[in-house]
Amino acid sequence: MDQLTSTEIVERFLEFEEQSDRALELVEADPTASPVLVAVVGELSRKAKKAHVPVTGSDPTSMREAIIEVEQAADSAKVAAEADAGARQETRQAVLDAHLTICALKAKM
């Protein structure tokens, strides 16, 4: 498996940020989404915003640690999305897509 360059990591993280923002928008707009799903995706969004500076910085250790923390939040969001039978399919899929992106990014670091 090829490792990504720092520039590629930043580019993929920025893609993830867009996906997590979209997931949050959909979850908050979905009247059938559970309060748990809304809270967990909100936490994912906060962790992603917090990770922006370390990921876009020049310290590889800080970058990796920040991505690991975001991936853990994405894992929780994925579980919540899969468990929320009331949420719309589009809402669930947006959360799952964001989760997949951050997991793939971490795997290639």
PDB file of N, CA and C in Angstrom:
ATOM      1  N   MET A   1       0.853  -1.174   0.000  1.00  0.00           N
ATOM      2  CA  MET A   1       0.000   0.000   0.000  1.00  0.00           C
ATOM      3  C   MET A   1       0.900   1.239   0.000  1.00  0.00           C
ATOM      4  N   ASP A   2       0.680   2.125  -0.925  1.00  0.00           N
ATOM      5  CA  ASP A   2       1.489   3.335  -1.044  1.00  0.00           C
ATOM      6  C   ASP A   2       1.105   4.358   0.011  1.00  0.00           C
ATOM      7  N   GLN A   3       2.119   4.978   0.601  1.00  0.00           N
ATOM      8  CA  GLN A   3       1.863   6.051   1.546  1.00  0.00           C
ATOM      9  C   GLN A   3       1.657   7.350   0.779  1.00  0.00           C
ATOM     10  N   LEU A   4       0.817   8.195   1.341  1.00  0.00           N
ATOM     11  CA  LEU A   4       0.532   9.489   0.729  1.00  0.00           C
ATOM     12  C   LEU A   4       1.583  10.512   1.127  1.00  0.00           C
ATOM     13  N   THR A   5       1.802  11.486   0.263  1.00  0.00           N
ATOM     14  CA  THR A   5       2.655  12.615   0.610  1.00  0.00           C
ATOM     15  C   THR A   5       1.869  13.540   1.536  1.00  0.00           C
ATOM     16  N   SER A   6       2.557  14.446   2.180  1.00  0.00           N
ATOM     17  CA  SER A   6       1.875  15.414   3.057  1.00  0.00           C
ATOM     18  C   SER A   6       0.831  16.208   2.291  1.00  0.00           C
ATOM     19  N   THR A   7       1.150  16.594   1.068  1.00  0.00           N
ATOM     20  CA  THR A   7       0.204  17.357   0.248  1.00  0.00           C
ATOM     21  C   THR A   7      -1.045  16.536  -0.048  1.00  0.00           C
ATOM     22  N   GLU A   8      -0.861  15.260  -0.362  1.00  0.00           N
ATOM     23  CA  GLU A   8      -2.006  14.387  -0.639  1.00  0.00           C
ATOM     24  C   GLU A   8      -2.852  14.171   0.615  1.00  0.00           C
ATOM     25  N   ILE A   9      -2.197  14.056   1.754  1.00  0.00           N
ATOM     26  CA  ILE A   9      -2.929  13.899   3.017  1.00  0.00           C
ATOM     27  C   ILE A   9      -3.803  15.126   3.257  1.00  0.00           C
ATOM     28  N   VAL A  10      -3.237  16.303   3.078  1.00  0.00           N
ATOM     29  CA  VAL A  10      -4.001  17.539   3.281  1.00  0.00           C
ATOM     30  C   VAL A  10      -5.173  17.591   2.305  1.00  0.00           C
ATOM     31  N   GLU A  11      -4.943  17.269   1.041  1.00  0.00           N
ATOM     32  CA  GLU A  11      -6.018  17.291   0.037  1.00  0.00           C
ATOM     33  C   GLU A  11      -7.148  16.337   0.414  1.00  0.00           C
ATOM     34  N   ARG A  12      -6.789  15.142   0.826  1.00  0.00           N
ATOM     35  CA  ARG A  12      -7.826  14.155   1.204  1.00  0.00           C
ATOM     36  C   ARG A  12      -8.535  14.560   2.483  1.00  0.00           C
ATOM     37  N   PHE A  13      -7.804  15.175   3.407  1.00  0.00           N
ATOM     38  CA  PHE A  13      -8.455  15.645   4.628  1.00  0.00           C
ATOM     39  C   PHE A  13      -9.450  16.764   4.308  1.00  0.00           C
ATOM     40  N   LEU A  14      -9.088  17.648   3.396  1.00  0.00           N
ATOM     41  CA  LEU A  14     -10.008  18.717   2.996  1.00  0.00           C
ATOM     42  C   LEU A  14     -11.263  18.136   2.344  1.00  0.00           C
ATOM     43  N   GLU A  15     -11.114  17.073   1.574  1.00  0.00           N
ATOM     44  CA  GLU A  15     -12.273  16.371   1.010  1.00  0.00           C
ATOM     45  C   GLU A  15     -13.135  15.806   2.136  1.00  0.00           C
ATOM     46  N   PHE A  16     -12.468  15.193   3.124  1.00  0.00           N
ATOM     47  CA  PHE A  16     -13.199  14.657   4.275  1.00  0.00           C
ATOM     48  C   PHE A  16     -13.959  15.761   4.999  1.00  0.00           C
ATOM     49  N   GLU A  17     -13.325  16.912   5.190  1.00  0.00           N
ATOM     50  CA  GLU A  17     -13.999  18.027   5.867  1.00  0.00           C
ATOM     51  C   GLU A  17     -15.289  18.411   5.143  1.00  0.00           C
ATOM     52  N   GLU A  18     -15.228  18.454   3.820  1.00  0.00           N
ATOM     53  CA  GLU A  18     -16.432  18.757   3.043  1.00  0.00           C
ATOM     54  C   GLU A  18     -17.499  17.692   3.274  1.00  0.00           C
ATOM     55  N   GLN A  19     -17.092  16.434   3.305  1.00  0.00           N
ATOM     56  CA  GLN A  19     -18.045  15.349   3.533  1.00  0.00           C
ATOM     57  C   GLN A  19     -18.633  15.411   4.937  1.00  0.00           C
ATOM     58  N   SER A  20     -17.817  15.696   5.922  1.00  0.00           N
ATOM     59  CA  SER A  20     -18.334  15.758   7.287  1.00  0.00           C
ATOM     60  C   SER A  20     -19.262  16.967   7.466  1.00  0.00           C
ATOM     61  N   ASP A  21     -18.940  18.073   6.799  1.00  0.00           N
ATOM     62  CA  ASP A  21     -19.838  19.238   6.834  1.00  0.00           C
ATOM     63  C   ASP A  21     -21.182  18.882   6.203  1.00  0.00           C
ATOM     64  N   ARG A  22     -21.133  18.174   5.078  1.00  0.00           N
ATOM     65  CA  ARG A  22     -22.364  17.753   4.389  1.00  0.00           C
ATOM     66  C   ARG A  22     -23.164  16.802   5.269  1.00  0.00           C
ATOM     67  N   ALA A  23     -22.479  15.866   5.917  1.00  0.00           N
ATOM     68  CA  ALA A  23     -23.166  14.925   6.813  1.00  0.00           C
ATOM     69  C   ALA A  23     -23.856  15.677   7.945  1.00  0.00           C
ATOM     70  N   LEU A  24     -23.177  16.658   8.516  1.00  0.00           N
ATOM     71  CA  LEU A  24     -23.777  17.440   9.600  1.00  0.00           C
ATOM     72  C   LEU A  24     -25.000  18.208   9.106  1.00  0.00           C
ATOM     73  N   GLU A  25     -24.891  18.814   7.941  1.00  0.00           N
ATOM     74  CA  GLU A  25     -26.039  19.546   7.378  1.00  0.00           C
ATOM     75  C   GLU A  25     -27.239  18.620   7.199  1.00  0.00           C
ATOM     76  N   LEU A  26     -26.995  17.438   6.643  1.00  0.00           N
ATOM     77  CA  LEU A  26     -28.088  16.499   6.407  1.00  0.00           C
ATOM     78  C   LEU A  26     -28.691  15.985   7.713  1.00  0.00           C
ATOM     79  N   VAL A  27     -27.835  15.664   8.670  1.00  0.00           N
ATOM     80  CA  VAL A  27     -28.324  15.157   9.955  1.00  0.00           C
ATOM     81  C   VAL A  27     -29.172  16.213  10.661  1.00  0.00           C
ATOM     82  N   GLU A  28     -28.679  17.441  10.675  1.00  0.00           N
ATOM     83  CA  GLU A  28     -29.426  18.507  11.350  1.00  0.00           C
ATOM     84  C   GLU A  28     -30.734  18.823  10.642  1.00  0.00           C
ATOM     85  N   ALA A  29     -30.792  18.598   9.325  1.00  0.00           N
ATOM     86  CA  ALA A  29     -32.009  18.887   8.562  1.00  0.00           C
ATOM     87  C   ALA A  29     -32.973  17.703   8.514  1.00  0.00           C
ATOM     88  N   ASP A  30     -32.533  16.557   8.983  1.00  0.00           N
ATOM     89  CA  ASP A  30     -33.343  15.337   8.921  1.00  0.00           C
ATOM     90  C   ASP A  30     -34.219  15.237  10.167  1.00  0.00           C
ATOM     91  N   PRO A  31     -35.527  15.491  10.023  1.00  0.00           N
ATOM     92  CA  PRO A  31     -36.392  15.445  11.204  1.00  0.00           C
ATOM     93  C   PRO A  31     -36.565  14.038  11.773  1.00  0.00           C
ATOM     94  N   THR A  32     -36.161  13.026  11.016  1.00  0.00           N
ATOM     95  CA  THR A  32     -36.299  11.659  11.493  1.00  0.00           C
ATOM     96  C   THR A  32     -35.008  11.117  12.120  1.00  0.00           C
ATOM     97  N   ALA A  33     -33.934  11.894  12.063  1.00  0.00           N
ATOM     98  CA  ALA A  33     -32.667  11.467  12.676  1.00  0.00           C
ATOM     99  C   ALA A  33     -32.783  11.536  14.194  1.00  0.00           C
ATOM    100  N   SER A  34     -32.216  10.563  14.857  1.00  0.00           N
ATOM    101  CA  SER A  34     -32.279  10.528  16.319  1.00  0.00           C
ATOM    102  C   SER A  34     -31.387  11.613  16.924  1.00  0.00           C
ATOM    103  N   PRO A  35     -31.717  12.049  18.132  1.00  0.00           N
ATOM    104  CA  PRO A  35     -30.855  13.011  18.823  1.00  0.00           C
ATOM    105  C   PRO A  35     -29.431  12.478  19.022  1.00  0.00           C
ATOM    106  N   VAL A  36     -29.305  11.169  19.180  1.00  0.00           N
ATOM    107  CA  VAL A  36     -27.976  10.565  19.341  1.00  0.00           C
ATOM    108  C   VAL A  36     -27.160  10.751  18.066  1.00  0.00           C
ATOM    109  N   LEU A  37     -27.761  10.491  16.908  1.00  0.00           N
ATOM    110  CA  LEU A  37     -27.055  10.654  15.648  1.00  0.00           C
ATOM    111  C   LEU A  37     -26.651  12.106  15.444  1.00  0.00           C
ATOM    112  N   VAL A  38     -27.558  13.012  15.744  1.00  0.00           N
ATOM    113  CA  VAL A  38     -27.248  14.441  15.609  1.00  0.00           C
ATOM    114  C   VAL A  38     -26.061  14.814  16.504  1.00  0.00           C
ATOM    115  N   ALA A  39     -26.071  14.343  17.735  1.00  0.00           N
ATOM    116  CA  ALA A  39     -24.994  14.669  18.678  1.00  0.00           C
ATOM    117  C   ALA A  39     -23.658  14.070  18.239  1.00  0.00           C
ATOM    118  N   VAL A  40     -23.676  12.826  17.799  1.00  0.00           N
ATOM    119  CA  VAL A  40     -22.427  12.155  17.430  1.00  0.00           C
ATOM    120  C   VAL A  40     -21.829  12.769  16.162  1.00  0.00           C
ATOM    121  N   VAL A  41     -22.670  13.108  15.195  1.00  0.00           N
ATOM    122  CA  VAL A  41     -22.158  13.739  13.978  1.00  0.00           C
ATOM    123  C   VAL A  41     -21.689  15.164  14.286  1.00  0.00           C
ATOM    124  N   GLY A  42     -22.360  15.832  15.219  1.00  0.00           N
ATOM    125  CA  GLY A  42     -21.891  17.146  15.667  1.00  0.00           C
ATOM    126  C   GLY A  42     -20.510  17.058  16.289  1.00  0.00           C
ATOM    127  N   GLU A  43     -20.281  16.021  17.070  1.00  0.00           N
ATOM    128  CA  GLU A  43     -18.959  15.805  17.684  1.00  0.00           C
ATOM    129  C   GLU A  43     -17.910  15.513  16.602  1.00  0.00           C
ATOM    130  N   LEU A  44     -18.274  14.733  15.602  1.00  0.00           N
ATOM    131  CA  LEU A  44     -17.362  14.469  14.489  1.00  0.00           C
ATOM    132  C   LEU A  44     -16.974  15.778  13.804  1.00  0.00           C
ATOM    133  N   SER A  45     -17.930  16.636  13.584  1.00  0.00           N
ATOM    134  CA  SER A  45     -17.659  17.923  12.945  1.00  0.00           C
ATOM    135  C   SER A  45     -16.716  18.773  13.792  1.00  0.00           C
ATOM    136  N   ARG A  46     -16.944  18.801  15.098  1.00  0.00           N
ATOM    137  CA  ARG A  46     -16.065  19.572  15.994  1.00  0.00           C
ATOM    138  C   ARG A  46     -14.639  19.021  15.983  1.00  0.00           C
ATOM    139  N   LYS A  47     -14.519  17.695  15.997  1.00  0.00           N
ATOM    140  CA  LYS A  47     -13.178  17.077  15.974  1.00  0.00           C
ATOM    141  C   LYS A  47     -12.478  17.376  14.648  1.00  0.00           C
ATOM    142  N   ALA A  48     -13.224  17.355  13.548  1.00  0.00           N
ATOM    143  CA  ALA A  48     -12.633  17.650  12.238  1.00  0.00           C
ATOM    144  C   ALA A  48     -12.125  19.082  12.198  1.00  0.00           C
ATOM    145  N   LYS A  49     -12.898  20.013  12.724  1.00  0.00           N
ATOM    146  CA  LYS A  49     -12.473  21.419  12.739  1.00  0.00           C
ATOM    147  C   LYS A  49     -11.235  21.597  13.621  1.00  0.00           C
ATOM    148  N   LYS A  50     -11.216  20.906  14.759  1.00  0.00           N
ATOM    149  CA  LYS A  50     -10.071  20.968  15.661  1.00  0.00           C
ATOM    150  C   LYS A  50      -8.814  20.387  14.999  1.00  0.00           C
ATOM    151  N   ALA A  51      -8.995  19.383  14.161  1.00  0.00           N
ATOM    152  CA  ALA A  51      -7.863  18.716  13.520  1.00  0.00           C
ATOM    153  C   ALA A  51      -7.320  19.483  12.319  1.00  0.00           C
ATOM    154  N   HIS A  52      -8.052  20.460  11.842  1.00  0.00           N
ATOM    155  CA  HIS A  52      -7.643  21.164  10.621  1.00  0.00           C
ATOM    156  C   HIS A  52      -6.223  21.732  10.724  1.00  0.00           C
ATOM    157  N   VAL A  53      -5.924  22.432  11.796  1.00  0.00           N
ATOM    158  CA  VAL A  53      -4.598  23.059  11.930  1.00  0.00           C
ATOM    159  C   VAL A  53      -3.487  22.008  12.002  1.00  0.00           C
ATOM    160  N   PRO A  54      -3.592  20.989  12.859  1.00  0.00           N
ATOM    161  CA  PRO A  54      -2.513  20.000  12.879  1.00  0.00           C
ATOM    162  C   PRO A  54      -2.361  19.235  11.551  1.00  0.00           C
ATOM    163  N   VAL A  55      -3.472  18.951  10.897  1.00  0.00           N
ATOM    164  CA  VAL A  55      -3.384  18.186   9.647  1.00  0.00           C
ATOM    165  C   VAL A  55      -2.767  19.025   8.535  1.00  0.00           C
ATOM    166  N   THR A  56      -3.075  20.292   8.504  1.00  0.00           N
ATOM    167  CA  THR A  56      -2.532  21.143   7.442  1.00  0.00           C
ATOM    168  C   THR A  56      -1.178  21.740   7.812  1.00  0.00           C
ATOM    169  N   GLY A  57      -0.693  21.423   9.009  1.00  0.00           N
ATOM    170  CA  GLY A  57       0.620  21.897   9.446  1.00  0.00           C
ATOM    171  C   GLY A  57       1.725  21.011   8.915  1.00  0.00           C
ATOM    172  N   SER A  58       2.920  21.206   9.420  1.00  0.00           N
ATOM    173  CA  SER A  58       4.079  20.497   8.874  1.00  0.00           C
ATOM    174  C   SER A  58       4.615  19.375   9.766  1.00  0.00           C
ATOM    175  N   ASP A  59       3.991  19.153  10.923  1.00  0.00           N
ATOM    176  CA  ASP A  59       4.487  18.126  11.844  1.00  0.00           C
ATOM    177  C   ASP A  59       3.766  16.800  11.582  1.00  0.00           C
ATOM    178  N   PRO A  60       4.473  15.811  11.039  1.00  0.00           N
ATOM    179  CA  PRO A  60       3.828  14.534  10.707  1.00  0.00           C
ATOM    180  C   PRO A  60       3.205  13.821  11.907  1.00  0.00           C
ATOM    181  N   THR A  61       3.824  13.935  13.074  1.00  0.00           N
ATOM    182  CA  THR A  61       3.277  13.278  14.262  1.00  0.00           C
ATOM    183  C   THR A  61       1.947  13.897  14.660  1.00  0.00           C
ATOM    184  N   SER A  62       1.891  15.221  14.682  1.00  0.00           N
ATOM    185  CA  SER A  62       0.637  15.910  15.017  1.00  0.00           C
ATOM    186  C   SER A  62      -0.442  15.605  13.988  1.00  0.00           C
ATOM    187  N   MET A  63      -0.036  15.549  12.727  1.00  0.00           N
ATOM    188  CA  MET A  63      -0.968  15.239  11.641  1.00  0.00           C
ATOM    189  C   MET A  63      -1.596  13.867  11.870  1.00  0.00           C
ATOM    190  N   ARG A  64      -0.758  12.884  12.126  1.00  0.00           N
ATOM    191  CA  ARG A  64      -1.250  11.510  12.321  1.00  0.00           C
ATOM    192  C   ARG A  64      -2.151  11.408  13.550  1.00  0.00           C
ATOM    193  N   GLU A  65      -1.730  12.016  14.657  1.00  0.00           N
ATOM    194  CA  GLU A  65      -2.537  11.964  15.883  1.00  0.00           C
ATOM    195  C   GLU A  65      -3.909  12.606  15.673  1.00  0.00           C
ATOM    196  N   ALA A  66      -3.945  13.724  14.958  1.00  0.00           N
ATOM    197  CA  ALA A  66      -5.212  14.411  14.699  1.00  0.00           C
ATOM    198  C   ALA A  66      -6.129  13.548  13.834  1.00  0.00           C
ATOM    199  N   ILE A  67      -5.563  12.893  12.839  1.00  0.00           N
ATOM    200  CA  ILE A  67      -6.373  12.047  11.960  1.00  0.00           C
ATOM    201  C   ILE A  67      -6.886  10.828  12.718  1.00  0.00           C
ATOM    202  N   ILE A  68      -6.098  10.271  13.597  1.00  0.00           N
ATOM    203  CA  ILE A  68      -6.545   9.136  14.410  1.00  0.00           C
ATOM    204  C   ILE A  68      -7.721   9.565  15.295  1.00  0.00           C
ATOM    205  N   GLU A  69      -7.628  10.741  15.894  1.00  0.00           N
ATOM    206  CA  GLU A  69      -8.716  11.229  16.753  1.00  0.00           C
ATOM    207  C   GLU A  69     -10.002  11.430  15.949  1.00  0.00           C
ATOM    208  N   VAL A  70      -9.871  11.981  14.758  1.00  0.00           N
ATOM    209  CA  VAL A  70     -11.045  12.186  13.908  1.00  0.00           C
ATOM    210  C   VAL A  70     -11.618  10.842  13.466  1.00  0.00           C
ATOM    211  N   GLU A  71     -10.754   9.896  13.147  1.00  0.00           N
ATOM    212  CA  GLU A  71     -11.242   8.583  12.733  1.00  0.00           C
ATOM    213  C   GLU A  71     -12.044   7.911  13.852  1.00  0.00           C
ATOM    214  N   GLN A  72     -11.609   8.082  15.087  1.00  0.00           N
ATOM    215  CA  GLN A  72     -12.347   7.504  16.209  1.00  0.00           C
ATOM    216  C   GLN A  72     -13.741   8.127  16.314  1.00  0.00           C
ATOM    217  N   ALA A  73     -13.833   9.427  16.116  1.00  0.00           N
ATOM    218  CA  ALA A  73     -15.137  10.089  16.124  1.00  0.00           C
ATOM    219  C   ALA A  73     -15.986   9.611  14.942  1.00  0.00           C
ATOM    220  N   ALA A  74     -15.348   9.396  13.801  1.00  0.00           N
ATOM    221  CA  ALA A  74     -16.063   8.900  12.621  1.00  0.00           C
ATOM    222  C   ALA A  74     -16.573   7.473  12.850  1.00  0.00           C
ATOM    223  N   ASP A  75     -15.799   6.673  13.570  1.00  0.00           N
ATOM    224  CA  ASP A  75     -16.257   5.317  13.911  1.00  0.00           C
ATOM    225  C   ASP A  75     -17.554   5.384  14.718  1.00  0.00           C
ATOM    226  N   SER A  76     -17.598   6.289  15.692  1.00  0.00           N
ATOM    227  CA  SER A  76     -18.809   6.454  16.507  1.00  0.00           C
ATOM    228  C   SER A  76     -19.971   6.939  15.658  1.00  0.00           C
ATOM    229  N   ALA A  77     -19.709   7.855  14.741  1.00  0.00           N
ATOM    230  CA  ALA A  77     -20.760   8.370  13.865  1.00  0.00           C
ATOM    231  C   ALA A  77     -21.293   7.261  12.964  1.00  0.00           C
ATOM    232  N   LYS A  78     -20.416   6.418  12.475  1.00  0.00           N
ATOM    233  CA  LYS A  78     -20.833   5.299  11.625  1.00  0.00           C
ATOM    234  C   LYS A  78     -21.758   4.363  12.391  1.00  0.00           C
ATOM    235  N   VAL A  79     -21.375   4.012  13.605  1.00  0.00           N
ATOM    236  CA  VAL A  79     -22.198   3.120  14.431  1.00  0.00           C
ATOM    237  C   VAL A  79     -23.570   3.753  14.682  1.00  0.00           C
ATOM    238  N   ALA A  80     -23.572   5.036  15.003  1.00  0.00           N
ATOM    239  CA  ALA A  80     -24.840   5.728  15.262  1.00  0.00           C
ATOM    240  C   ALA A  80     -25.711   5.776  14.009  1.00  0.00           C
ATOM    241  N   ALA A  81     -25.097   6.015  12.859  1.00  0.00           N
ATOM    242  CA  ALA A  81     -25.862   6.072  11.596  1.00  0.00           C
ATOM    243  C   ALA A  81     -26.456   4.710  11.262  1.00  0.00           C
ATOM    244  N   GLU A  82     -25.670   3.670  11.453  1.00  0.00           N
ATOM    245  CA  GLU A  82     -26.167   2.319  11.159  1.00  0.00           C
ATOM    246  C   GLU A  82     -27.277   1.898  12.123  1.00  0.00           C
ATOM    247  N   ALA A  83     -27.229   2.406  13.346  1.00  0.00           N
ATOM    248  CA  ALA A  83     -28.227   2.035  14.346  1.00  0.00           C
ATOM    249  C   ALA A  83     -29.512   2.856  14.252  1.00  0.00           C
ATOM    250  N   ASP A  84     -29.461   3.980  13.566  1.00  0.00           N
ATOM    251  CA  ASP A  84     -30.615   4.888  13.495  1.00  0.00           C
ATOM    252  C   ASP A  84     -31.508   4.508  12.322  1.00  0.00           C
ATOM    253  N   ALA A  85     -32.458   3.628  12.582  1.00  0.00           N
ATOM    254  CA  ALA A  85     -33.364   3.167  11.525  1.00  0.00           C
ATOM    255  C   ALA A  85     -34.288   4.273  11.035  1.00  0.00           C
ATOM    256  N   GLY A  86     -34.460   5.314  11.826  1.00  0.00           N
ATOM    257  CA  GLY A  86     -35.356   6.391  11.438  1.00  0.00           C
ATOM    258  C   GLY A  86     -34.737   7.418  10.507  1.00  0.00           C
ATOM    259  N   ALA A  87     -33.432   7.509  10.501  1.00  0.00           N
ATOM    260  CA  ALA A  87     -32.760   8.515   9.669  1.00  0.00           C
ATOM    261  C   ALA A  87     -32.962   8.188   8.191  1.00  0.00           C
ATOM    262  N   ARG A  88     -33.002   9.223   7.394  1.00  0.00           N
ATOM    263  CA  ARG A  88     -33.133   9.041   5.949  1.00  0.00           C
ATOM    264  C   ARG A  88     -31.895   8.342   5.398  1.00  0.00           C
ATOM    265  N   GLN A  89     -32.088   7.614   4.315  1.00  0.00           N
ATOM    266  CA  GLN A  89     -30.973   6.897   3.682  1.00  0.00           C
ATOM    267  C   GLN A  89     -29.865   7.866   3.265  1.00  0.00           C
ATOM    268  N   GLU A  90     -30.236   9.015   2.713  1.00  0.00           N
ATOM    269  CA  GLU A  90     -29.251  10.008   2.286  1.00  0.00           C
ATOM    270  C   GLU A  90     -28.413  10.503   3.471  1.00  0.00           C
ATOM    271  N   THR A  91     -29.070  10.664   4.607  1.00  0.00           N
ATOM    272  CA  THR A  91     -28.380  11.095   5.821  1.00  0.00           C
ATOM    273  C   THR A  91     -27.379  10.037   6.269  1.00  0.00           C
ATOM    274  N   ARG A  92     -27.850   8.814   6.354  1.00  0.00           N
ATOM    275  CA  ARG A  92     -26.962   7.714   6.769  1.00  0.00           C
ATOM    276  C   ARG A  92     -25.785   7.572   5.809  1.00  0.00           C
ATOM    277  N   GLN A  93     -26.069   7.652   4.514  1.00  0.00           N
ATOM    278  CA  GLN A  93     -25.009   7.472   3.520  1.00  0.00           C
ATOM    279  C   GLN A  93     -23.953   8.566   3.619  1.00  0.00           C
ATOM    280  N   ALA A  94     -24.365   9.784   3.893  1.00  0.00           N
ATOM    281  CA  ALA A  94     -23.397  10.885   4.029  1.00  0.00           C
ATOM    282  C   ALA A  94     -22.438  10.622   5.188  1.00  0.00           C
ATOM    283  N   VAL A  95     -22.958  10.103   6.286  1.00  0.00           N
ATOM    284  CA  VAL A  95     -22.112   9.777   7.442  1.00  0.00           C
ATOM    285  C   VAL A  95     -21.172   8.627   7.091  1.00  0.00           C
ATOM    286  N   LEU A  96     -21.701   7.607   6.436  1.00  0.00           N
ATOM    287  CA  LEU A  96     -20.874   6.462   6.058  1.00  0.00           C
ATOM    288  C   LEU A  96     -19.786   6.859   5.064  1.00  0.00           C
ATOM    289  N   ASP A  97     -20.112   7.747   4.143  1.00  0.00           N
ATOM    290  CA  ASP A  97     -19.114   8.215   3.176  1.00  0.00           C
ATOM    291  C   ASP A  97     -17.979   8.970   3.872  1.00  0.00           C
ATOM    292  N   ALA A  98     -18.328   9.831   4.812  1.00  0.00           N
ATOM    293  CA  ALA A  98     -17.295  10.570   5.549  1.00  0.00           C
ATOM    294  C   ALA A  98     -16.417   9.600   6.333  1.00  0.00           C
ATOM    295  N   HIS A  99     -17.035   8.617   6.955  1.00  0.00           N
ATOM    296  CA  HIS A  99     -16.283   7.611   7.708  1.00  0.00           C
ATOM    297  C   HIS A  99     -15.307   6.874   6.794  1.00  0.00           C
ATOM    298  N   LEU A 100     -15.771   6.432   5.652  1.00  0.00           N
ATOM    299  CA  LEU A 100     -14.921   5.694   4.726  1.00  0.00           C
ATOM    300  C   LEU A 100     -13.731   6.537   4.269  1.00  0.00           C
ATOM    301  N   THR A 101     -13.964   7.807   4.010  1.00  0.00           N
ATOM    302  CA  THR A 101     -12.891   8.690   3.543  1.00  0.00           C
ATOM    303  C   THR A 101     -11.794   8.845   4.584  1.00  0.00           C
ATOM    304  N   ILE A 102     -12.163   9.072   5.844  1.00  0.00           N
ATOM    305  CA  ILE A 102     -11.140   9.275   6.875  1.00  0.00           C
ATOM    306  C   ILE A 102     -10.426   7.952   7.178  1.00  0.00           C
ATOM    307  N   CYS A 103     -11.140   6.829   7.107  1.00  0.00           N
ATOM    308  CA  CYS A 103     -10.494   5.532   7.327  1.00  0.00           C
ATOM    309  C   CYS A 103      -9.481   5.230   6.222  1.00  0.00           C
ATOM    310  N   ALA A 104      -9.856   5.516   4.986  1.00  0.00           N
ATOM    311  CA  ALA A 104      -8.947   5.285   3.862  1.00  0.00           C
ATOM    312  C   ALA A 104      -7.719   6.181   3.975  1.00  0.00           C
ATOM    313  N   LEU A 105      -7.946   7.409   4.410  1.00  0.00           N
ATOM    314  CA  LEU A 105      -6.824   8.338   4.588  1.00  0.00           C
ATOM    315  C   LEU A 105      -5.856   7.819   5.646  1.00  0.00           C
ATOM    316  N   LYS A 106      -6.374   7.422   6.782  1.00  0.00           N
ATOM    317  CA  LYS A 106      -5.509   6.917   7.852  1.00  0.00           C
ATOM    318  C   LYS A 106      -4.741   5.678   7.399  1.00  0.00           C
ATOM    319  N   ALA A 107      -5.399   4.821   6.656  1.00  0.00           N
ATOM    320  CA  ALA A 107      -4.757   3.574   6.198  1.00  0.00           C
ATOM    321  C   ALA A 107      -3.586   3.844   5.258  1.00  0.00           C
ATOM    322  N   LYS A 108      -3.611   4.966   4.579  1.00  0.00           N
ATOM    323  CA  LYS A 108      -2.540   5.272   3.607  1.00  0.00           C
ATOM    324  C   LYS A 108      -1.460   6.178   4.180  1.00  0.00           C
ATOM    325  N   MET A 109      -1.527   6.444   5.471  1.00  0.00           N
ATOM    326  CA  MET A 109      -0.520   7.311   6.081  1.00  0.00           C
ATOM    327  C   MET A 109       0.715   6.499   6.464  1.00  0.00           C
TER     328      MET A 109
END
